Amino acid sequence: MEHLCSTRAPTKKDFGKIKEFYEIMRNKFNITPRLYKLKHKTWMVVTSSKTLSSFLYFCLDINKCDENTKIPDWIYKSSQEIKREYLRYAFAMEGSVVDPRIGVISVRFHNCDGKYIKELKKFILDNFNINFTVFRYFIKDYGYKYFLEILSIEEIRKFGKIGFALESHQKRLETILNNIKSKAWEITLKNLVKIEYKYFRIKDVNKLFPYLCKRAIHHRLSDLIKMSYLSINNNGYYLTSKGYQKGDLLSNVKDTKLRTNPRENEKLIFELIKRKGLIWRNEISRTLNIHAVTVREVLKRLIKKNKIELSHIDTHQKKYYKKYSGSSPRF
């Protein structure tokens, strides 16, 4: 067994982990390792210690450099919280969140060890019910590399409950989750889980969504029945076990007003623009808690009715609106 124990991590990800490992070796093992900078802004901690090597290998079940990467056996026997922390730090170093500006939203985990990639895929599926897909690609003069990836919004929401230990990755993930457009049935199911009694009727759901008419509520409930998340009998509607499970997974779904009253929206948005004097589109959406798509359509109608006008577009392409300067008819 080699006595050389080393680790490295790019500074663009988390230099703090290099520093933390350095302090652990110095304070816990009374070893003063070498800390130096390599090319491409990469830092490395290096020390030669048989004691430390034996501790990592025999006590923590960490593989040697000439062995396949593996998940330590004690991780399998630990609590869900420990397993979650293991994944958070693993994804902090080897994971990534694909920038949604390129048109694809995904979470990935990269590694050159195909056996470890398959083990990690099974580990995540068995413990967190997140189904990653394995991909392989070839690099000339290097060999095969592998990565895990999830693309569906549902799987990314599940991963949101694990997250990244790296702040920059976590912020990007949270931004993506906050910007995902919620569907009507998702918003409805998420809130139905909060109802304290088993059976309920349309009037009870109307209390959760007072801005919806009974027809819209009935349509939403019918969709949930088709998806087996909801059922109905003589006592009323009730959530199925599948519905409760799905509802819990939708805790990150953002509540937005969908299928609202068009005339009411026009009045709310027009009054807000009059009160503010000048306001940009997304600020209207956040202030009134109305979906951005709905706001965009309402603004078009208000411009056509000569109630408002586009003031200007700033350097960040934000569109600002104000009250129409000419005379216009009342609502």
Protein backbone atom coordinates (compact mmCIF):
# COMPACT_ATOMS: atom_id res chain seq x y z
CA MET A 1 0.00 0.00 0.00
CA GLU A 2 1.35 3.42 -0.93
CA HIS A 3 2.00 5.85 1.89
CA LEU A 4 1.38 8.94 -0.20
CA CYS A 5 -1.95 10.59 0.58
CA SER A 6 -3.00 13.50 -1.63
CA THR A 7 -6.02 15.40 -2.82
CA ARG A 8 -6.72 18.24 -5.25
CA ALA A 9 -9.59 20.51 -6.24
CA PRO A 10 -9.93 23.42 -8.67
CA THR A 11 -10.11 26.82 -7.00
CA LYS A 12 -13.02 27.73 -9.26
CA LYS A 13 -15.06 25.16 -7.37
CA ASP A 14 -14.10 25.06 -3.72
CA PHE A 15 -10.66 25.95 -2.44
CA GLY A 16 -12.19 25.81 1.05
CA LYS A 17 -12.23 22.01 0.92
CA ILE A 18 -8.47 21.94 0.23
CA LYS A 19 -7.91 24.24 3.20
CA GLU A 20 -10.24 22.17 5.38
CA PHE A 21 -8.40 18.94 4.52
CA TYR A 22 -5.09 20.67 5.29
CA GLU A 23 -6.35 21.74 8.74
CA ILE A 24 -7.74 18.28 9.52
CA MET A 25 -4.38 16.63 8.83
CA ARG A 26 -2.54 19.20 10.89
CA ASN A 27 -4.92 19.38 13.87
CA LYS A 28 -6.25 15.79 14.06
CA PHE A 29 -3.17 13.83 12.94
CA ASN A 30 -0.37 16.23 13.92
CA ILE A 31 0.85 16.18 10.30
CA THR A 32 1.97 19.30 8.47
CA PRO A 33 1.27 18.65 4.77
CA ARG A 34 2.49 20.63 1.78
CA LEU A 35 0.05 23.03 0.16
CA TYR A 36 0.99 24.36 -3.24
CA LYS A 37 -0.47 25.66 -6.48
CA LEU A 38 -0.35 23.77 -9.78
CA LYS A 39 -1.15 24.88 -13.31
CA HIS A 40 -4.63 26.05 -14.30
CA LYS A 41 -5.27 27.50 -10.80
CA THR A 42 -5.38 24.05 -9.20
CA TRP A 43 -4.29 23.60 -5.59
CA MET A 44 -3.00 20.39 -4.04
CA VAL A 45 -2.37 19.12 -0.52
CA VAL A 46 0.30 16.41 -0.31
CA THR A 47 1.63 14.45 2.63
CA SER A 48 3.36 11.11 3.15
CA SER A 49 1.99 9.24 6.16
CA LYS A 50 1.42 5.55 6.69
CA THR A 51 -0.82 6.27 9.69
CA LEU A 52 -3.11 8.57 7.73
CA SER A 53 -3.18 6.22 4.75
CA SER A 54 -4.14 3.29 6.99
CA PHE A 55 -6.86 5.35 8.71
CA LEU A 56 -8.44 6.37 5.41
CA TYR A 57 -8.22 2.89 3.94
CA PHE A 58 -9.08 0.60 6.86
CA CYS A 59 -11.32 2.87 8.98
CA LEU A 60 -13.08 5.06 6.42
CA ASP A 61 -13.12 2.43 3.64
CA ILE A 62 -11.71 4.88 1.08
CA ASN A 63 -10.20 3.16 -1.94
CA LYS A 64 -6.51 3.30 -2.87
CA CYS A 65 -5.40 5.07 -6.03
CA ASP A 66 -4.96 1.74 -7.85
CA GLU A 67 -8.50 0.59 -6.97
CA ASN A 68 -11.88 1.49 -8.44
CA THR A 69 -13.68 4.38 -6.76
CA LYS A 70 -16.49 3.19 -4.48
CA ILE A 71 -19.02 4.38 -1.97
CA PRO A 72 -17.69 3.48 1.50
CA ASP A 73 -19.59 0.65 3.15
CA TRP A 74 -20.43 2.71 6.24
CA ILE A 75 -22.28 5.24 4.08
CA TYR A 76 -24.78 2.50 3.13
CA LYS A 77 -25.37 1.79 6.83
CA SER A 78 -25.79 5.45 7.82
CA SER A 79 -28.92 7.57 8.21
CA GLN A 80 -30.60 9.36 5.30
CA GLU A 81 -29.09 12.64 6.47
CA ILE A 82 -25.54 11.24 6.27
CA LYS A 83 -26.27 9.80 2.82
CA ARG A 84 -27.61 13.17 1.73
CA GLU A 85 -24.45 14.93 2.98
CA TYR A 86 -22.28 12.42 1.13
CA LEU A 87 -24.08 13.24 -2.12
CA ARG A 88 -24.04 17.00 -1.49
CA TYR A 89 -20.25 17.01 -1.18
CA ALA A 90 -19.75 14.50 -4.01
CA PHE A 91 -21.82 16.70 -6.35
CA ALA A 92 -20.02 19.80 -5.08
CA MET A 93 -16.74 18.45 -6.45
CA GLU A 94 -17.83 16.42 -9.48
CA GLY A 95 -21.33 17.70 -10.24
CA SER A 96 -22.65 20.57 -12.32
CA VAL A 97 -25.83 22.45 -13.16
CA VAL A 98 -26.13 23.14 -16.87
CA ASP A 99 -26.81 26.81 -17.60
CA PRO A 100 -30.47 27.09 -18.74
CA ARG A 101 -29.51 29.90 -21.16
CA ILE A 102 -28.23 27.26 -23.59
CA GLY A 103 -31.74 25.80 -23.77
CA VAL A 104 -31.32 22.72 -21.57
CA ILE A 105 -31.83 22.39 -17.81
CA SER A 106 -30.00 19.45 -16.26
CA VAL A 107 -27.97 18.25 -13.28
CA ARG A 108 -24.87 16.15 -14.00
CA PHE A 109 -22.19 14.18 -12.19
CA HIS A 110 -18.89 13.50 -14.01
CA ASN A 111 -16.35 10.75 -13.33
CA CYS A 112 -13.83 8.65 -15.25
CA ASP A 113 -14.75 5.45 -13.35
CA GLY A 114 -17.68 3.73 -15.06
CA LYS A 115 -18.14 1.22 -12.23
CA TYR A 116 -18.49 4.00 -9.66
CA ILE A 117 -20.92 5.89 -11.88
CA LYS A 118 -23.21 2.83 -12.04
CA GLU A 119 -22.93 2.28 -8.29
CA LEU A 120 -23.78 5.92 -7.59
CA LYS A 121 -26.78 5.80 -9.95
CA LYS A 122 -28.20 2.80 -8.04
CA PHE A 123 -27.41 4.39 -4.67
CA ILE A 124 -29.32 7.58 -5.53
CA LEU A 125 -32.26 5.66 -7.00
CA ASP A 126 -32.55 3.29 -4.03
CA ASN A 127 -32.25 5.98 -1.36
CA PHE A 128 -33.77 9.10 -2.93
CA ASN A 129 -35.87 7.76 -5.84
CA ILE A 130 -34.04 9.96 -8.37
CA ASN A 131 -33.44 8.17 -11.66
CA PHE A 132 -30.24 9.45 -13.32
CA THR A 133 -29.22 8.28 -16.80
CA VAL A 134 -25.66 7.08 -17.50
CA PHE A 135 -23.79 8.52 -20.51
CA ARG A 136 -20.35 7.64 -21.88
CA TYR A 137 -18.11 9.59 -24.26
CA PHE A 138 -14.59 9.15 -25.63
CA ILE A 139 -11.73 11.65 -25.41
CA LYS A 140 -8.78 11.19 -27.74
CA ASP A 141 -5.51 10.35 -25.97
CA TYR A 142 -7.43 9.94 -22.70
CA GLY A 143 -10.13 7.30 -22.97
CA TYR A 144 -13.73 7.01 -21.87
CA LYS A 145 -15.39 9.37 -19.41
CA TYR A 146 -18.84 9.02 -17.88
CA PHE A 147 -21.54 11.22 -16.43
CA LEU A 148 -24.93 10.91 -14.77
CA GLU A 149 -27.68 13.29 -15.88
CA ILE A 150 -31.27 14.19 -15.08
CA LEU A 151 -33.29 16.38 -17.44
CA SER A 152 -36.90 16.14 -16.28
CA ILE A 153 -38.26 18.92 -14.07
CA GLU A 154 -39.69 16.32 -11.70
CA GLU A 155 -36.30 14.65 -11.10
CA ILE A 156 -34.56 18.02 -10.70
CA ARG A 157 -37.13 19.01 -8.07
CA LYS A 158 -36.35 15.79 -6.18
CA PHE A 159 -32.65 16.57 -6.38
CA GLY A 160 -33.42 20.01 -4.97
CA LYS A 161 -34.00 18.31 -1.60
CA ILE A 162 -30.39 17.05 -1.73
CA GLY A 163 -28.65 20.04 -3.28
CA PHE A 164 -24.98 20.99 -3.49
CA ALA A 165 -22.53 21.72 -0.68
CA LEU A 166 -20.94 24.26 -3.03
CA GLU A 167 -22.65 27.66 -2.72
CA SER A 168 -22.30 28.70 -6.37
CA HIS A 169 -23.87 25.45 -7.63
CA GLN A 170 -26.61 25.60 -5.00
CA LYS A 171 -27.57 29.17 -5.94
CA ARG A 172 -27.81 28.21 -9.60
CA LEU A 173 -29.97 25.20 -8.73
CA GLU A 174 -32.29 27.32 -6.57
CA THR A 175 -32.58 29.90 -9.35
CA ILE A 176 -33.60 27.19 -11.82
CA LEU A 177 -36.17 25.75 -9.40
CA ASN A 178 -37.63 29.20 -8.71
CA ASN A 179 -37.93 29.96 -12.44
CA ILE A 180 -39.63 26.71 -13.42
CA LYS A 181 -43.12 27.46 -14.63
CA SER A 182 -45.60 25.65 -12.40
CA LYS A 183 -48.51 23.73 -13.90
CA ALA A 184 -52.08 24.15 -12.70
CA TRP A 185 -52.43 20.54 -11.50
CA GLU A 186 -49.08 20.76 -9.63
CA ILE A 187 -50.12 23.90 -7.75
CA THR A 188 -53.50 22.34 -6.96
CA LEU A 189 -52.10 19.01 -5.70
CA LYS A 190 -49.43 20.71 -3.59
CA ASN A 191 -52.13 22.70 -1.76
CA LEU A 192 -54.62 19.83 -1.48
CA VAL A 193 -52.09 17.93 0.65
CA LYS A 194 -52.46 20.71 3.23
CA ILE A 195 -56.20 20.00 3.74
CA GLU A 196 -56.53 18.48 7.23
CA TYR A 197 -59.61 16.32 6.57
CA LYS A 198 -59.80 13.30 4.29
CA TYR A 199 -62.85 14.20 2.17
CA PHE A 200 -63.48 17.59 0.59
CA ARG A 201 -65.68 19.23 -2.03
CA ILE A 202 -65.30 21.96 -4.63
CA LYS A 203 -66.29 24.66 -2.12
CA ASP A 204 -63.39 23.58 0.13
CA VAL A 205 -60.93 23.81 -2.76
CA ASN A 206 -62.37 27.24 -3.62
CA LYS A 207 -61.14 28.45 -0.21
CA LEU A 208 -57.59 27.56 -1.31
CA PHE A 209 -58.05 29.26 -4.68
CA PRO A 210 -60.67 32.03 -4.17
CA TYR A 211 -59.73 33.65 -7.50
CA LEU A 212 -60.86 30.56 -9.48
CA CYS A 213 -64.39 29.89 -10.67
CA LYS A 214 -66.03 26.53 -9.88
CA ARG A 215 -65.65 25.35 -13.49
CA ALA A 216 -61.87 25.89 -13.38
CA ILE A 217 -61.61 24.03 -10.05
CA HIS A 218 -63.67 21.13 -11.40
CA HIS A 219 -61.36 20.94 -14.43
CA ARG A 220 -58.27 20.76 -12.21
CA LEU A 221 -59.78 18.07 -9.99
CA SER A 222 -60.81 16.05 -13.06
CA ASP A 223 -57.22 16.16 -14.33
CA LEU A 224 -55.94 14.89 -10.96
CA ILE A 225 -58.43 12.01 -11.06
CA LYS A 226 -57.19 11.03 -14.54
CA MET A 227 -53.63 10.96 -13.19
CA SER A 228 -54.72 8.75 -10.23
CA TYR A 229 -53.69 11.39 -7.67
CA LEU A 230 -57.30 11.96 -6.67
CA SER A 231 -60.46 9.90 -6.37
CA ILE A 232 -64.13 10.52 -5.57
CA ASN A 233 -67.00 8.70 -3.84
CA ASN A 234 -70.26 9.63 -2.11
CA ASN A 235 -68.36 11.42 0.66
CA GLY A 236 -66.52 13.68 -1.77
CA TYR A 237 -63.05 13.97 -3.28
CA TYR A 238 -60.04 12.42 -1.52
CA LEU A 239 -56.32 12.07 -2.19
CA THR A 240 -54.95 8.64 -3.05
CA SER A 241 -51.70 7.36 -1.52
CA LYS A 242 -50.05 8.16 -4.85
CA GLY A 243 -51.44 11.69 -4.58
CA TYR A 244 -50.00 12.22 -1.09
CA GLN A 245 -46.58 10.99 -2.21
CA LYS A 246 -46.61 13.19 -5.30
CA GLY A 247 -47.85 16.19 -3.34
CA ASP A 248 -44.93 15.94 -0.91
CA LEU A 249 -42.51 15.95 -3.85
CA LEU A 250 -44.05 19.19 -5.12
CA SER A 251 -43.08 21.25 -2.05
CA ASN A 252 -40.72 23.34 -4.25
CA VAL A 253 -43.49 24.18 -6.73
CA LYS A 254 -44.06 27.91 -6.83
CA ASP A 255 -47.64 29.11 -6.31
CA THR A 256 -48.78 31.33 -9.18
CA LYS A 257 -52.24 32.42 -10.23
CA LEU A 258 -53.24 30.49 -13.33
CA ARG A 259 -56.53 30.84 -15.23
CA THR A 260 -57.43 34.02 -13.41
CA ASN A 261 -60.20 36.43 -14.36
CA PRO A 262 -58.92 38.47 -17.37
CA ARG A 263 -60.84 41.66 -16.48
CA GLU A 264 -59.70 41.44 -12.86
CA ASN A 265 -56.08 41.05 -14.00
CA GLU A 266 -56.38 44.11 -16.21
CA LYS A 267 -57.67 46.20 -13.31
CA LEU A 268 -54.96 44.96 -10.89
CA ILE A 269 -52.11 45.54 -13.32
CA PHE A 270 -53.41 48.91 -14.52
CA GLU A 271 -53.83 50.17 -10.94
CA LEU A 272 -50.31 48.99 -10.08
CA ILE A 273 -48.81 50.83 -13.08
CA LYS A 274 -50.72 54.01 -12.14
CA ARG A 275 -49.50 53.75 -8.57
CA LYS A 276 -45.87 53.03 -9.45
CA GLY A 277 -45.67 55.40 -12.40
CA LEU A 278 -43.02 53.26 -14.09
CA ILE A 279 -42.54 49.51 -13.64
CA TRP A 280 -40.98 46.62 -15.54
CA ARG A 281 -42.84 43.44 -16.48
CA ASN A 282 -41.29 40.91 -14.07
CA GLU A 283 -41.78 43.27 -11.15
CA ILE A 284 -45.51 43.27 -11.92
CA SER A 285 -45.53 39.48 -11.85
CA ARG A 286 -43.73 39.31 -8.50
CA THR A 287 -45.76 42.09 -6.86
CA LEU A 288 -49.17 40.71 -7.83
CA ASN A 289 -48.17 37.01 -7.77
CA ILE A 290 -49.49 36.54 -11.30
CA HIS A 291 -47.74 34.27 -13.78
CA ALA A 292 -45.33 36.10 -16.12
CA VAL A 293 -47.07 34.68 -19.21
CA THR A 294 -50.41 36.06 -17.99
CA VAL A 295 -48.84 39.45 -17.27
CA ARG A 296 -47.39 39.61 -20.78
CA GLU A 297 -50.79 38.94 -22.37
CA VAL A 298 -52.54 41.48 -20.14
CA LEU A 299 -49.99 44.16 -21.03
CA LYS A 300 -50.65 43.59 -24.72
CA ARG A 301 -54.39 44.07 -24.15
CA LEU A 302 -53.86 47.22 -22.07
CA ILE A 303 -51.63 48.72 -24.77
CA LYS A 304 -54.25 47.92 -27.41
CA LYS A 305 -56.89 49.65 -25.27
CA ASN A 306 -54.63 52.73 -24.91
CA LYS A 307 -54.49 52.29 -21.13
CA ILE A 308 -50.70 51.93 -20.91
CA GLU A 309 -47.66 52.27 -23.15
CA LEU A 310 -44.15 50.90 -23.38
CA SER A 311 -41.87 53.53 -21.85
CA HIS A 312 -38.45 52.14 -22.76
CA ILE A 313 -36.19 49.07 -22.82
CA ASP A 314 -33.05 49.37 -20.71
CA THR A 315 -29.56 47.97 -21.39
CA HIS A 316 -30.56 44.67 -19.75
CA GLN A 317 -33.55 44.34 -22.12
CA LYS A 318 -36.04 45.02 -19.32
CA LYS A 319 -39.30 46.43 -20.67
CA TYR A 320 -40.72 49.31 -18.61
CA TYR A 321 -44.36 50.38 -18.82
CA LYS A 322 -46.26 53.50 -17.78
CA LYS A 323 -49.76 54.92 -18.00
CA TYR A 324 -50.78 56.04 -21.49
CA SER A 325 -50.06 59.76 -21.87
CA GLY A 326 -53.11 60.42 -24.06
CA SER A 327 -56.81 60.11 -23.26
CA SER A 328 -58.32 56.62 -23.07
CA PRO A 329 -61.72 55.11 -22.37
CA ARG A 330 -62.61 53.71 -18.96
CA PHE A 331 -62.88 49.98 -18.21
